[in-house]
Amino acid sequence: MLLKTTIDDVARTQIGNLTSHFQGTERDILKHLPNVDGFALVISGIRRCGKSTLLQQLLYSGFRDALYINFEDPRLFEFEMNDFSRLDQIIEEQNHNVLFFDELQVVAGWERYVRQKLEAGKKVVITGSNATMLSKELGTKLTGRHIKRELFPFSWNEFKVFNNAASDAEHLAEYLKVGGFPEYVRQQNDDILHQLFEDILARDIAVRYGVRDVKTLQRMALHLISNTGRLVTGNKIKTLFGVSSTTTIMEYFSHLEQTYLFSFIPKFSYSSRKQLINPRKVYAIDTGLINTTSKSFTNDFGPVFENLVFLNLRRHHEQIFYFKEKNECDFITIDKGIAKDVVQVCYELTPDNLDRELNGLFEALNFFSLKEGTIVTMNQSDQFERDGCIANVVPCHTYFDTYD
């Protein structure tokens, strides 16, 4: 339990710090955020991707009377359900109609309080770094009263704006190297990403979920980030790290995905059961994080490049699969049960790999009865046709620009 004066002091200090800092590059998501009247707007994303800065930008875009509280402030560690009544007094005394709550999911029972505020006519914006912890409570207590959006590290467009860069292969290569975490893009100090990686494993996973074998968790995370774009299974990882139970490994996978550090995409199948049992491909949240953290010493840019294309698709599509029958295609996006995009990724097409890349793409196009697909390269343009289907070869920066 906390004193009302403590909560008020924290809120005043935080809003002062927030509004005194650089607002940063305007995030693309601002253009697409819905009106929050009657709904809680929930924005989730990995740590340090810019959620607090986004709230700052929202403040300046029309919500200057908002109350802002980051519940991960050490002074609020003892905040509990009873303290919401003291927060209510502050809200009414200062006549706040808009409430910005950062990392609110750390307070037990928060969803009941938010529903109460919505019923009182308040606008509520919530941010958090754990997708599932937010979703669980939202689904049970705020059904029909919330709108969810995800924030990621800088997109290609945001990276260009931040650096005042042209859309070309040279700057795309820099984006591939640096990634999109705003503070790292600004300073390019590797310690920023090393610390982020450790904080997620230690604070967001080990502490929150009571993981005792932190060393194995760390080793497994390093293995995954060093093997982006490759197939993984619980059994293989269990054997590799000497863990007794596949269930434990799958729990680790779930925690890593819930904190946005990794994504595990399934092989496409019309059978849900086969999707569960087939190996999955692993991708990291950011290519800069891969380049600074990976233990791989190869100069092969292919896997990191594939990861970059995945991240662009992930920003725009919820359902992404890889395709593998006789041949393999890297990405299939699905919208309302219908295949939309068939995408093959190849850093550089050569006589040695051309047939393999085309065979995978055309087989996927035929499987889904589609006429056109895309091969994303670093800086090549071409077009191939087979049996009435077209493969468009495009430079990555041009492909990304079509999403902006």
Protein backbone atom coordinates (compact mmCIF):
# COMPACT_ATOMS: atom_id res chain seq x y z
CA MET A 1 0.00 0.00 0.00
CA LEU A 2 1.24 3.45 -0.93
CA LEU A 3 0.56 6.99 0.23
CA LYS A 4 -1.51 9.19 -2.07
CA THR A 5 1.28 11.78 -1.99
CA THR A 6 3.77 9.15 -3.19
CA ILE A 7 1.59 8.23 -6.18
CA ASP A 8 1.03 11.91 -7.00
CA ASP A 9 4.75 12.72 -6.74
CA VAL A 10 5.63 9.81 -9.03
CA ALA A 11 3.02 10.86 -11.60
CA ARG A 12 4.21 14.48 -11.61
CA THR A 13 7.86 13.46 -11.92
CA GLN A 14 7.17 11.01 -14.72
CA ILE A 15 5.08 13.38 -16.82
CA GLY A 16 7.75 16.04 -16.36
CA ASN A 17 10.47 13.68 -17.52
CA LEU A 18 8.39 12.46 -20.42
CA THR A 19 7.50 15.87 -21.80
CA SER A 20 11.01 17.28 -21.35
CA HIS A 21 12.64 14.63 -23.53
CA PHE A 22 13.10 14.56 -27.28
CA GLN A 23 9.87 13.36 -28.91
CA GLY A 24 11.73 11.25 -31.43
CA THR A 25 10.78 10.25 -34.94
CA GLU A 26 7.02 10.20 -35.39
CA ARG A 27 5.92 6.59 -35.49
CA ASP A 28 3.90 5.35 -38.44
CA ILE A 29 1.36 3.76 -36.10
CA LEU A 30 0.16 7.23 -35.07
CA LYS A 31 -1.55 7.60 -38.45
CA HIS A 32 -3.61 4.48 -37.87
CA LEU A 33 -4.56 4.61 -34.19
CA PRO A 34 -8.35 4.54 -33.77
CA ASN A 35 -10.49 6.84 -31.65
CA VAL A 36 -10.38 5.51 -28.12
CA ASP A 37 -13.79 6.73 -26.92
CA GLY A 38 -15.40 3.92 -24.96
CA PHE A 39 -12.50 1.54 -25.57
CA ALA A 40 -9.15 0.86 -23.97
CA LEU A 41 -6.41 1.27 -26.56
CA VAL A 42 -3.79 -1.39 -25.80
CA ILE A 43 -0.34 -1.04 -27.38
CA SER A 44 2.07 -3.92 -26.83
CA GLY A 45 5.63 -4.42 -28.00
CA ILE A 46 9.11 -5.47 -26.98
CA ARG A 47 11.03 -3.42 -24.43
CA ARG A 48 12.79 -0.31 -25.77
CA CYS A 49 10.89 -0.28 -29.06
CA GLY A 50 9.50 3.20 -28.31
CA LYS A 51 6.19 2.71 -26.46
CA SER A 52 6.85 5.51 -23.97
CA THR A 53 7.92 7.81 -26.78
CA LEU A 54 4.72 6.93 -28.62
CA LEU A 55 2.72 7.98 -25.55
CA GLN A 56 4.71 11.21 -25.51
CA GLN A 57 3.77 11.80 -29.14
CA LEU A 58 0.14 11.09 -28.31
CA LEU A 59 0.32 13.67 -25.51
CA TYR A 60 1.51 16.33 -27.93
CA SER A 61 -0.97 15.33 -30.63
CA GLY A 62 -4.05 16.22 -28.59
CA PHE A 63 -4.03 14.69 -25.12
CA ARG A 64 -2.03 17.24 -23.14
CA ASP A 65 -4.31 16.88 -20.09
CA ALA A 66 -3.55 13.15 -19.77
CA LEU A 67 -2.35 11.48 -16.59
CA TYR A 68 0.74 9.36 -17.27
CA ILE A 69 2.05 6.62 -14.98
CA ASN A 70 4.71 4.00 -15.65
CA PHE A 71 4.03 1.21 -13.17
CA GLU A 72 7.54 -0.23 -13.48
CA ASP A 73 8.90 2.77 -11.57
CA PRO A 74 10.68 1.36 -8.48
CA ARG A 75 8.68 3.76 -6.30
CA LEU A 76 5.52 1.93 -7.37
CA PHE A 77 6.73 -1.62 -6.78
CA GLU A 78 4.36 -1.94 -3.82
CA PHE A 79 1.35 -0.65 -5.80
CA GLU A 80 -1.63 -2.96 -5.26
CA MET A 81 -5.35 -3.08 -5.98
CA ASN A 82 -6.27 -0.93 -2.97
CA ASP A 83 -4.04 1.87 -4.24
CA PHE A 84 -6.30 2.42 -7.23
CA SER A 85 -8.69 4.25 -4.91
CA ARG A 86 -5.94 6.79 -4.11
CA LEU A 87 -5.15 7.07 -7.81
CA ASP A 88 -8.85 7.80 -8.36
CA GLN A 89 -8.66 10.73 -5.97
CA ILE A 90 -5.72 12.21 -7.91
CA ILE A 91 -7.57 11.76 -11.22
CA GLU A 92 -10.68 13.55 -9.95
CA GLU A 93 -8.82 16.32 -8.14
CA GLN A 94 -6.73 17.10 -11.24
CA ASN A 95 -9.62 16.54 -13.65
CA HIS A 96 -7.86 14.03 -15.89
CA ASN A 97 -10.11 12.62 -18.63
CA VAL A 98 -7.34 10.76 -20.45
CA LEU A 99 -5.26 8.08 -18.70
CA PHE A 100 -1.95 6.73 -20.04
CA PHE A 101 -0.80 3.62 -18.18
CA ASP A 102 2.64 2.21 -19.08
CA GLU A 103 3.39 -1.45 -18.15
CA LEU A 104 0.12 -1.68 -16.24
CA GLN A 105 0.05 -5.47 -16.40
CA VAL A 106 2.49 -5.67 -13.45
CA VAL A 107 -0.39 -4.69 -11.11
CA ALA A 108 -2.72 -7.55 -10.24
CA GLY A 109 -6.36 -6.81 -10.96
CA TRP A 110 -5.64 -3.90 -13.31
CA GLU A 111 -8.26 -4.97 -15.86
CA ARG A 112 -11.16 -4.42 -13.43
CA TYR A 113 -9.92 -0.90 -12.73
CA VAL A 114 -9.64 -0.10 -16.43
CA ARG A 115 -13.18 -1.28 -17.06
CA GLN A 116 -14.37 0.96 -14.25
CA LYS A 117 -12.61 3.95 -15.83
CA LEU A 118 -14.15 3.21 -19.22
CA GLU A 119 -17.60 3.05 -17.68
CA ALA A 120 -16.89 6.43 -16.09
CA GLY A 121 -16.25 7.90 -19.54
CA LYS A 122 -12.47 8.15 -19.36
CA LYS A 123 -10.14 7.60 -22.32
CA VAL A 124 -7.60 4.88 -21.48
CA VAL A 125 -4.37 3.99 -23.28
CA ILE A 126 -2.32 1.05 -21.98
CA THR A 127 1.13 -0.14 -23.05
CA GLY A 128 2.91 -3.35 -22.13
CA SER A 129 5.83 -5.54 -23.12
CA ASN A 130 4.14 -8.91 -22.70
CA ALA A 131 1.52 -9.78 -25.29
CA THR A 132 -0.03 -12.73 -23.48
CA MET A 133 -0.21 -11.19 -20.01
CA LEU A 134 -2.19 -8.36 -21.53
CA SER A 135 -4.34 -10.58 -23.75
CA LYS A 136 -5.36 -12.96 -20.96
CA GLU A 137 -6.89 -10.26 -18.81
CA LEU A 138 -8.30 -8.37 -21.79
CA GLY A 139 -10.10 -11.44 -23.01
CA THR A 140 -11.78 -12.14 -19.68
CA LYS A 141 -12.57 -8.69 -18.27
CA LEU A 142 -12.51 -6.26 -21.20
CA THR A 143 -14.13 -8.30 -23.97
CA GLY A 144 -15.51 -5.92 -26.54
CA ARG A 145 -14.06 -2.90 -24.72
CA HIS A 146 -10.53 -2.83 -26.05
CA ILE A 147 -8.61 -2.34 -29.30
CA LYS A 148 -5.15 -3.88 -29.65
CA ARG A 149 -2.21 -2.59 -31.65
CA GLU A 150 1.43 -3.68 -31.76
CA LEU A 151 4.50 -1.46 -31.87
CA PHE A 152 7.78 -2.76 -33.27
CA PRO A 153 11.28 -1.32 -33.59
CA PHE A 154 11.69 1.15 -36.46
CA SER A 155 10.28 0.08 -39.80
CA TRP A 156 12.22 0.81 -42.98
CA ASN A 157 10.22 3.99 -43.47
CA GLU A 158 10.84 5.16 -39.89
CA PHE A 159 14.54 4.33 -40.22
CA LYS A 160 14.74 6.46 -43.38
CA VAL A 161 12.95 9.37 -41.71
CA PHE A 162 15.19 9.19 -38.63
CA ASN A 163 18.36 9.20 -40.74
CA ASN A 164 17.04 11.46 -43.51
CA ALA A 165 18.06 8.63 -45.82
CA ALA A 166 17.18 7.82 -49.42
CA SER A 167 15.41 4.62 -50.38
CA ASP A 168 18.29 2.70 -51.88
CA ALA A 169 20.37 -0.44 -51.40
CA GLU A 170 23.13 1.42 -49.56
CA HIS A 171 20.84 2.60 -46.77
CA LEU A 172 19.00 -0.72 -46.75
CA ALA A 173 22.35 -2.39 -45.99
CA GLU A 174 22.75 -0.03 -43.03
CA TYR A 175 19.24 -0.87 -41.83
CA LEU A 176 20.07 -4.57 -42.13
CA LYS A 177 23.14 -4.04 -39.96
CA VAL A 178 21.75 -1.64 -37.34
CA GLY A 179 18.13 -2.75 -37.04
CA GLY A 180 15.41 -0.57 -35.63
CA PHE A 181 15.67 -0.13 -31.86
CA PRO A 182 15.48 3.68 -31.62
CA GLU A 183 18.17 4.23 -29.01
CA TYR A 184 20.60 1.88 -30.76
CA VAL A 185 19.94 3.56 -34.11
CA ARG A 186 20.78 6.85 -32.38
CA GLN A 187 23.95 5.78 -30.52
CA GLN A 188 25.04 2.46 -32.09
CA ASN A 189 26.53 1.35 -28.79
CA ASP A 190 26.41 -2.46 -28.69
CA ASP A 191 25.99 -2.43 -24.91
CA ILE A 192 22.43 -1.10 -25.41
CA LEU A 193 21.34 -4.26 -27.22
CA HIS A 194 23.37 -6.59 -24.99
CA GLN A 195 21.66 -5.14 -21.92
CA LEU A 196 18.24 -5.31 -23.57
CA PHE A 197 18.73 -8.98 -24.38
CA GLU A 198 19.74 -9.76 -20.79
CA ASP A 199 16.93 -7.65 -19.29
CA ILE A 200 14.28 -9.51 -21.27
CA LEU A 201 15.64 -12.90 -20.25
CA ALA A 202 16.19 -11.97 -16.60
CA ARG A 203 13.30 -9.60 -15.80
CA ASP A 204 10.56 -10.41 -18.30
CA ILE A 205 11.02 -14.18 -18.30
CA ALA A 206 13.10 -15.56 -15.41
CA VAL A 207 11.56 -13.36 -12.69
CA ARG A 208 8.01 -13.20 -14.05
CA TYR A 209 7.68 -16.90 -14.79
CA GLY A 210 9.86 -18.25 -12.01
CA VAL A 211 12.45 -19.82 -14.33
CA ARG A 212 15.12 -21.33 -12.11
CA ASP A 213 17.57 -22.57 -14.74
CA VAL A 214 18.42 -19.11 -16.06
CA LYS A 215 21.72 -20.30 -17.54
CA THR A 216 19.97 -22.78 -19.84
CA LEU A 217 17.44 -20.12 -20.82
CA GLN A 218 20.28 -17.77 -21.77
CA ARG A 219 22.17 -20.44 -23.71
CA MET A 220 19.04 -21.42 -25.59
CA ALA A 221 18.23 -17.80 -26.47
CA LEU A 222 21.78 -17.32 -27.80
CA HIS A 223 21.43 -20.48 -29.86
CA LEU A 224 18.13 -19.29 -31.35
CA ILE A 225 19.38 -15.82 -32.24
CA SER A 226 22.43 -17.42 -33.86
CA ASN A 227 20.18 -19.64 -35.99
CA THR A 228 17.48 -17.28 -37.26
CA GLY A 229 15.56 -18.55 -40.26
CA ARG A 230 16.29 -22.17 -39.38
CA LEU A 231 13.99 -24.96 -38.27
CA VAL A 232 13.68 -25.72 -34.56
CA THR A 233 11.84 -28.36 -32.55
CA GLY A 234 11.40 -28.86 -28.83
CA ASN A 235 12.97 -32.32 -28.99
CA LYS A 236 16.14 -31.18 -30.72
CA ILE A 237 16.62 -28.25 -28.35
CA LYS A 238 15.94 -30.51 -25.36
CA THR A 239 18.69 -32.89 -26.50
CA LEU A 240 21.11 -30.09 -27.37
CA PHE A 241 20.90 -28.50 -23.91
CA GLY A 242 20.33 -31.60 -21.82
CA VAL A 243 16.91 -30.57 -20.55
CA SER A 244 14.83 -33.44 -19.22
CA SER A 245 11.44 -32.35 -20.55
CA THR A 246 10.28 -31.15 -23.97
CA THR A 247 7.46 -29.39 -22.12
CA THR A 248 10.01 -27.15 -20.40
CA ILE A 249 11.52 -26.20 -23.76
CA MET A 250 8.11 -25.40 -25.21
CA GLU A 251 7.38 -23.22 -22.18
CA TYR A 252 10.64 -21.34 -22.83
CA PHE A 253 9.62 -20.90 -26.47
CA SER A 254 6.28 -19.49 -25.34
CA HIS A 255 7.92 -17.03 -22.93
CA LEU A 256 10.36 -15.86 -25.59
CA GLU A 257 7.51 -15.28 -28.02
CA GLN A 258 5.27 -13.54 -25.47
CA THR A 259 7.99 -10.99 -24.78
CA TYR A 260 8.39 -10.43 -28.55
CA LEU A 261 12.04 -11.51 -28.56
CA PHE A 262 11.40 -14.32 -31.06
CA SER A 263 8.69 -15.49 -33.42
CA PHE A 264 8.19 -19.14 -34.32
CA ILE A 265 6.34 -19.58 -37.58
CA PRO A 266 4.72 -22.92 -38.54
CA LYS A 267 4.76 -24.89 -41.74
CA PHE A 268 1.57 -24.29 -43.69
CA SER A 269 -0.98 -27.05 -43.40
CA TYR A 270 -4.75 -27.15 -43.48
CA SER A 271 -4.45 -29.41 -40.42
CA SER A 272 -4.02 -27.55 -37.11
CA ARG A 273 -2.50 -30.67 -35.60
CA LYS A 274 0.21 -30.84 -38.27
CA GLN A 275 0.97 -27.17 -37.72
CA LEU A 276 1.65 -27.98 -34.07
CA ILE A 277 3.87 -31.02 -34.62
CA ASN A 278 5.94 -29.87 -37.61
CA PRO A 279 9.22 -27.99 -37.03
CA ARG A 280 8.94 -24.21 -36.85
CA LYS A 281 11.19 -21.49 -38.21
CA VAL A 282 12.61 -19.04 -35.69
CA TYR A 283 13.07 -15.32 -36.29
CA ALA A 284 14.33 -12.57 -33.98
CA ILE A 285 12.63 -9.23 -33.35
CA ASP A 286 15.47 -7.15 -34.79
CA THR A 287 18.43 -7.60 -37.12
CA GLY A 288 20.63 -5.27 -35.08
CA LEU A 289 20.05 -7.55 -32.10
CA ILE A 290 21.10 -10.54 -34.22
CA ASN A 291 24.26 -8.84 -35.45
CA THR A 292 25.40 -7.74 -31.99
CA THR A 293 24.36 -10.83 -30.02
CA SER A 294 24.68 -13.83 -32.34
CA LYS A 295 27.52 -16.29 -31.76
CA SER A 296 27.63 -17.09 -35.48
CA PHE A 297 30.91 -16.13 -37.15
CA THR A 298 29.77 -16.67 -40.75
CA ASN A 299 29.69 -13.85 -43.29
CA ASP A 300 26.51 -15.28 -44.84
CA PHE A 301 24.03 -12.39 -44.91
CA GLY A 302 21.20 -14.63 -46.12
CA PRO A 303 19.62 -15.59 -42.77
CA VAL A 304 19.69 -12.03 -41.38
CA PHE A 305 18.32 -10.71 -44.66
CA GLU A 306 15.49 -13.27 -44.52
CA ASN A 307 14.82 -12.18 -40.94
CA LEU A 308 14.55 -8.56 -42.10
CA VAL A 309 11.92 -9.45 -44.70
CA PHE A 310 10.02 -11.48 -42.11
CA LEU A 311 9.89 -8.48 -39.78
CA ASN A 312 8.35 -6.35 -42.51
CA LEU A 313 5.69 -9.00 -43.10
CA ARG A 314 5.12 -9.39 -39.35
CA ARG A 315 4.27 -5.69 -39.03
CA HIS A 316 1.44 -6.10 -41.52
CA HIS A 317 0.20 -9.69 -41.19
CA GLU A 318 -0.82 -11.75 -38.19
CA GLN A 319 -0.69 -15.14 -39.93
CA ILE A 320 2.60 -16.08 -41.59
CA PHE A 321 3.72 -19.59 -42.57
CA TYR A 322 6.54 -21.23 -44.44
CA PHE A 323 5.68 -23.62 -47.26
CA LYS A 324 7.39 -26.96 -47.81
CA GLU A 325 6.27 -29.78 -50.00
CA LYS A 326 8.62 -31.00 -52.75
CA ASN A 327 10.29 -27.59 -52.65
CA GLU A 328 10.31 -24.78 -50.11
CA CYS A 329 9.04 -21.20 -50.10
CA ASP A 330 9.97 -18.85 -47.28
CA PHE A 331 6.74 -17.01 -46.50
CA ILE A 332 3.01 -17.35 -47.08
CA THR A 333 0.72 -14.72 -45.57
CA ILE A 334 -2.87 -15.68 -44.82
CA ASP A 335 -5.78 -13.27 -44.38
CA LYS A 336 -9.15 -14.64 -43.25
CA GLY A 337 -8.17 -18.11 -44.37
CA ILE A 338 -7.02 -17.02 -47.85
CA ALA A 339 -3.41 -16.94 -49.06
CA LYS A 340 -2.42 -13.40 -50.01
CA ASP A 341 1.34 -13.17 -50.47
CA VAL A 342 3.85 -15.78 -51.61
CA VAL A 343 7.35 -14.50 -50.88
CA GLN A 344 10.75 -16.03 -51.48
CA VAL A 345 13.85 -14.35 -50.02
CA CYS A 346 17.30 -14.55 -51.57
CA TYR A 347 20.09 -12.11 -50.76
CA GLU A 348 21.55 -12.60 -54.25
CA LEU A 349 20.21 -14.70 -57.10
CA THR A 350 22.94 -16.64 -58.87
CA PRO A 351 23.00 -19.41 -61.52
CA ASP A 352 23.58 -21.85 -58.66
CA ASN A 353 20.46 -20.98 -56.65
CA LEU A 354 18.04 -19.64 -59.29
CA ASP A 355 16.25 -22.93 -60.00
CA ARG A 356 15.84 -23.70 -56.30
CA GLU A 357 14.30 -20.31 -55.52
CA LEU A 358 11.99 -20.38 -58.56
CA ASN A 359 10.88 -23.97 -57.96
CA GLY A 360 9.85 -23.19 -54.41
CA LEU A 361 7.97 -20.05 -55.40
CA PHE A 362 6.13 -21.56 -58.36
CA GLU A 363 5.16 -24.70 -56.42
CA ALA A 364 3.65 -22.50 -53.70
CA LEU A 365 1.80 -20.38 -56.28
CA ASN A 366 0.31 -23.50 -57.86
CA PHE A 367 -0.60 -24.93 -54.44
CA PHE A 368 -2.57 -21.79 -53.52
CA SER A 369 -3.87 -21.13 -57.05
CA LEU A 370 -2.18 -17.73 -57.23
CA LYS A 371 -0.74 -16.09 -60.33
CA GLU A 372 2.03 -13.85 -58.96
CA GLY A 373 4.67 -14.09 -56.27
CA THR A 374 7.74 -12.15 -55.19
CA ILE A 375 11.42 -12.95 -54.83
CA VAL A 376 12.97 -10.29 -52.58
CA THR A 377 16.67 -9.69 -53.20
CA MET A 378 19.18 -7.19 -51.92
CA ASN A 379 19.42 -5.22 -55.16
CA GLN A 380 18.22 -7.22 -58.20
CA SER A 381 15.27 -6.80 -60.53
CA ASP A 382 13.91 -9.40 -62.95
CA GLN A 383 10.82 -11.35 -63.91
CA PHE A 384 10.23 -15.02 -64.69
CA GLU A 385 7.16 -16.80 -66.00
CA ARG A 386 6.18 -20.45 -65.79
CA ASP A 387 2.85 -22.11 -66.63
CA GLY A 388 0.98 -18.82 -66.49
CA CYS A 389 2.50 -17.77 -63.15
CA ILE A 390 4.87 -14.83 -62.67
CA ALA A 391 7.79 -14.42 -60.28
CA ASN A 392 8.66 -10.77 -59.73
CA VAL A 393 12.24 -10.24 -58.58
CA VAL A 394 12.51 -6.95 -56.67
CA PRO A 395 15.14 -5.11 -54.58
CA CYS A 396 14.33 -5.18 -50.88
CA HIS A 397 14.10 -1.40 -50.47
CA THR A 398 11.59 -1.22 -53.34
CA TYR A 399 9.57 -4.07 -51.84
CA PHE A 400 9.46 -2.37 -48.44
CA ASP A 401 8.42 0.92 -50.03
CA THR A 402 5.23 -0.72 -51.32
CA TYR A 403 4.08 -1.09 -47.69
CA ASP A 404 4.62 2.58 -46.78
